[in-house]
C-alpha atoms as a PDB file:
ATOM      1  CA  UNK A   1      72.736-179.690-195.548  1.00  0.00           C
ATOM      2  CA  UNK A   2      70.755-179.203-192.610  1.00  0.00           C
ATOM      3  CA  UNK A   3      67.691-180.378-191.178  1.00  0.00           C
ATOM      4  CA  UNK A   4      64.781-178.885-191.230  1.00  0.00           C
ATOM      5  CA  UNK A   5      62.770-179.700-188.233  1.00  0.00           C
ATOM      6  CA  UNK A   6      58.812-180.323-188.408  1.00  0.00           C
ATOM      7  CA  UNK A   7      56.276-179.493-185.802  1.00  0.00           C
ATOM      8  CA  UNK A   8      53.328-182.311-186.031  1.00  0.00           C
ATOM      9  CA  UNK A   9      49.946-180.975-186.325  1.00  0.00           C
ATOM     10  CA  UNK A  10      47.722-181.891-183.816  1.00  0.00           C
ATOM     11  CA  UNK A  11      45.245-183.679-185.037  1.00  0.00           C
ATOM     12  CA  UNK A  12      43.938-187.179-182.852  1.00  0.00           C
ATOM     13  CA  UNK A  13      46.135-189.000-184.161  1.00  0.00           C
ATOM     14  CA  UNK A  14      48.573-187.178-181.921  1.00  0.00           C
ATOM     15  CA  UNK A  15      47.402-187.383-178.662  1.00  0.00           C
ATOM     16  CA  UNK A  16      47.751-191.766-178.029  1.00  0.00           C
ATOM     17  CA  UNK A  17      49.876-193.312-177.339  1.00  0.00           C
ATOM     18  CA  UNK A  18      52.706-191.406-174.816  1.00  0.00           C
ATOM     19  CA  UNK A  19      51.225-188.220-175.783  1.00  0.00           C
ATOM     20  CA  UNK A  20      48.169-189.655-174.367  1.00  0.00           C
ATOM     21  CA  UNK A  21      49.596-190.792-171.378  1.00  0.00           C
ATOM     22  CA  UNK A  22      50.726-187.381-170.589  1.00  0.00           C
ATOM     23  CA  UNK A  23      48.285-185.173-170.922  1.00  0.00           C
ATOM     24  CA  UNK A  24      46.283-187.652-169.227  1.00  0.00           C
ATOM     25  CA  UNK A  25      48.601-187.424-166.109  1.00  0.00           C
ATOM     26  CA  UNK A  26      48.605-184.448-165.835  1.00  0.00           C
ATOM     27  CA  UNK A  27      45.564-183.182-165.914  1.00  0.00           C
ATOM     28  CA  UNK A  28      44.831-186.153-163.240  1.00  0.00           C
ATOM     29  CA  UNK A  29      47.389-184.733-160.946  1.00  0.00           C
ATOM     30  CA  UNK A  30      46.144-180.870-160.764  1.00  0.00           C
ATOM     31  CA  UNK A  31      42.630-183.118-160.433  1.00  0.00           C
ATOM     32  CA  UNK A  32      44.389-185.081-157.648  1.00  0.00           C
ATOM     33  CA  UNK A  33      46.172-181.923-155.955  1.00  0.00           C
ATOM     34  CA  UNK A  34      42.669-179.780-156.396  1.00  0.00           C
ATOM     35  CA  UNK A  35      40.603-182.415-154.265  1.00  0.00           C
ATOM     36  CA  UNK A  36      44.071-183.349-151.335  1.00  0.00           C
ATOM     37  CA  UNK A  37      43.929-179.928-150.690  1.00  0.00           C
ATOM     38  CA  UNK A  38      46.374-178.148-152.371  1.00  0.00           C
ATOM     39  CA  UNK A  39      44.222-175.881-153.965  1.00  0.00           C
ATOM     40  CA  UNK A  40      40.740-175.799-153.198  1.00  0.00           C
ATOM     41  CA  UNK A  41      39.482-175.475-149.288  1.00  0.00           C
ATOM     42  CA  UNK A  42      40.540-178.883-148.451  1.00  0.00           C
ATOM     43  CA  UNK A  43      37.809-180.756-146.293  1.00  0.00           C
ATOM     44  CA  UNK A  44      37.068-183.845-147.572  1.00  0.00           C
ATOM     45  CA  UNK A  45      33.603-183.834-145.143  1.00  0.00           C
ATOM     46  CA  UNK A  46      35.323-187.518-144.311  1.00  0.00           C
ATOM     47  CA  UNK A  47      34.490-187.000-140.131  1.00  0.00           C
ATOM     48  CA  UNK A  48      31.198-185.310-140.351  1.00  0.00           C
ATOM     49  CA  UNK A  49      32.511-181.672-138.861  1.00  0.00           C
ATOM     50  CA  UNK A  50      34.710-179.316-141.402  1.00  0.00           C
ATOM     51  CA  UNK A  51      35.460-176.454-139.778  1.00  0.00           C
ATOM     52  CA  UNK A  52      35.981-172.721-141.527  1.00  0.00           C
ATOM     53  CA  UNK A  53      39.207-170.697-139.701  1.00  0.00           C
ATOM     54  CA  UNK A  54      37.770-167.385-138.609  1.00  0.00           C
ATOM     55  CA  UNK A  55      40.976-166.269-137.757  1.00  0.00           C
ATOM     56  CA  UNK A  56      43.578-164.106-139.884  1.00  0.00           C
ATOM     57  CA  UNK A  57      46.473-167.026-139.498  1.00  0.00           C
ATOM     58  CA  UNK A  58      45.699-169.985-136.724  1.00  0.00           C
ATOM     59  CA  UNK A  59      49.083-172.303-135.729  1.00  0.00           C
ATOM     60  CA  UNK A  60      48.321-177.051-136.162  1.00  0.00           C
ATOM     61  CA  UNK A  61      49.279-177.689-133.053  1.00  0.00           C
ATOM     62  CA  UNK A  62      50.651-181.563-131.998  1.00  0.00           C
ATOM     63  CA  UNK A  63      48.768-181.754-128.617  1.00  0.00           C
ATOM     64  CA  UNK A  64      45.877-179.083-127.393  1.00  0.00           C
ATOM     65  CA  UNK A  65      48.377-177.104-125.640  1.00  0.00           C
ATOM     66  CA  UNK A  66      50.618-174.242-126.807  1.00  0.00           C
ATOM     67  CA  UNK A  67      53.634-175.885-125.067  1.00  0.00           C
ATOM     68  CA  UNK A  68      55.060-177.659-127.901  1.00  0.00           C
ATOM     69  CA  UNK A  69      55.949-175.529-131.637  1.00  0.00           C
ATOM     70  CA  UNK A  70      53.148-175.449-134.203  1.00  0.00           C
ATOM     71  CA  UNK A  71      53.463-178.499-137.045  1.00  0.00           C
ATOM     72  CA  UNK A  72      51.640-176.079-139.370  1.00  0.00           C
ATOM     73  CA  UNK A  73      49.428-172.859-140.092  1.00  0.00           C
ATOM     74  CA  UNK A  74      45.774-173.003-141.627  1.00  0.00           C
ATOM     75  CA  UNK A  75      45.011-169.099-143.271  1.00  0.00           C
ATOM     76  CA  UNK A  76      41.195-167.256-142.871  1.00  0.00           C
ATOM     77  CA  UNK A  77      38.978-169.218-145.334  1.00  0.00           C
ATOM     78  CA  UNK A  78      40.477-172.869-145.619  1.00  0.00           C
ATOM     79  CA  UNK A  79      38.208-175.666-144.198  1.00  0.00           C
ATOM     80  CA  UNK A  80      39.316-178.932-142.461  1.00  0.00           C
ATOM     81  CA  UNK A  81      37.850-181.892-141.642  1.00  0.00           C
ATOM     82  CA  UNK A  82      37.709-181.970-138.100  1.00  0.00           C
ATOM     83  CA  UNK A  83      36.569-184.667-134.630  1.00  0.00           C
ATOM     84  CA  UNK A  84      34.119-183.697-132.261  1.00  0.00           C
ATOM     85  CA  UNK A  85      36.893-183.404-129.455  1.00  0.00           C
ATOM     86  CA  UNK A  86      37.401-180.861-127.773  1.00  0.00           C
ATOM     87  CA  UNK A  87      40.129-180.424-125.464  1.00  0.00           C
ATOM     88  CA  UNK A  88      41.681-177.186-123.054  1.00  0.00           C
ATOM     89  CA  UNK A  89      40.144-175.481-125.936  1.00  0.00           C
ATOM     90  CA  UNK A  90      41.909-176.629-129.088  1.00  0.00           C
ATOM     91  CA  UNK A  91      39.913-178.818-131.837  1.00  0.00           C
ATOM     92  CA  UNK A  92      41.480-181.735-133.193  1.00  0.00           C
ATOM     93  CA  UNK A  93      41.662-182.136-136.361  1.00  0.00           C
ATOM     94  CA  UNK A  94      41.394-185.208-138.701  1.00  0.00           C
ATOM     95  CA  UNK A  95      44.752-186.615-139.790  1.00  0.00           C
ATOM     96  CA  UNK A  96      47.661-187.732-136.472  1.00  0.00           C
ATOM     97  CA  UNK A  97      48.068-185.119-133.224  1.00  0.00           C
ATOM     98  CA  UNK A  98      46.618-181.969-135.765  1.00  0.00           C
ATOM     99  CA  UNK A  99      44.743-179.577-132.930  1.00  0.00           C
ATOM    100  CA  UNK A 100      44.056-176.046-133.884  1.00  0.00           C
ATOM    101  CA  UNK A 101      42.524-173.374-130.867  1.00  0.00           C
ATOM    102  CA  UNK A 102      39.087-173.911-131.327  1.00  0.00           C
ATOM    103  CA  UNK A 103      37.741-170.652-130.632  1.00  0.00           C
ATOM    104  CA  UNK A 104      39.499-169.425-134.526  1.00  0.00           C
ATOM    105  CA  UNK A 105      37.202-172.312-136.097  1.00  0.00           C
ATOM    106  CA  UNK A 106      33.545-171.931-136.728  1.00  0.00           C
ATOM    107  CA  UNK A 107      31.163-175.191-138.535  1.00  0.00           C
ATOM    108  CA  UNK A 108      30.432-175.446-141.314  1.00  0.00           C
ATOM    109  CA  UNK A 109      26.925-174.281-142.148  1.00  0.00           C
ATOM    110  CA  UNK A 110      25.286-177.675-142.323  1.00  0.00           C
ATOM    111  CA  UNK A 111      28.431-179.696-140.846  1.00  0.00           C
ATOM    112  CA  UNK A 112      27.931-181.946-137.743  1.00  0.00           C
ATOM    113  CA  UNK A 113      30.248-180.682-135.210  1.00  0.00           C
END
């Protein structure tokens, strides 16, 4: 005799315990990814200086020069936190060893760069 599979109805009691933890965890994960820049703009304003990428693509380098290979790329319209430091035409971005060509960036309105 074959057993039937029962599917529970969606009731408030269905979202207790582990079901609630899984749903809430999934929602919080998506929000964290958006806040971290995976889906959103990426800038938090933590440095007081937010720059917008104006070129089609900008290489992020580990130093203010072109002798080392890029460590990342930024696409046009991306917002990034930056420092007020510009060396050899490269602006220091937030984080360690992150520099981008300053002429390919523009300060966001209201930003203190």
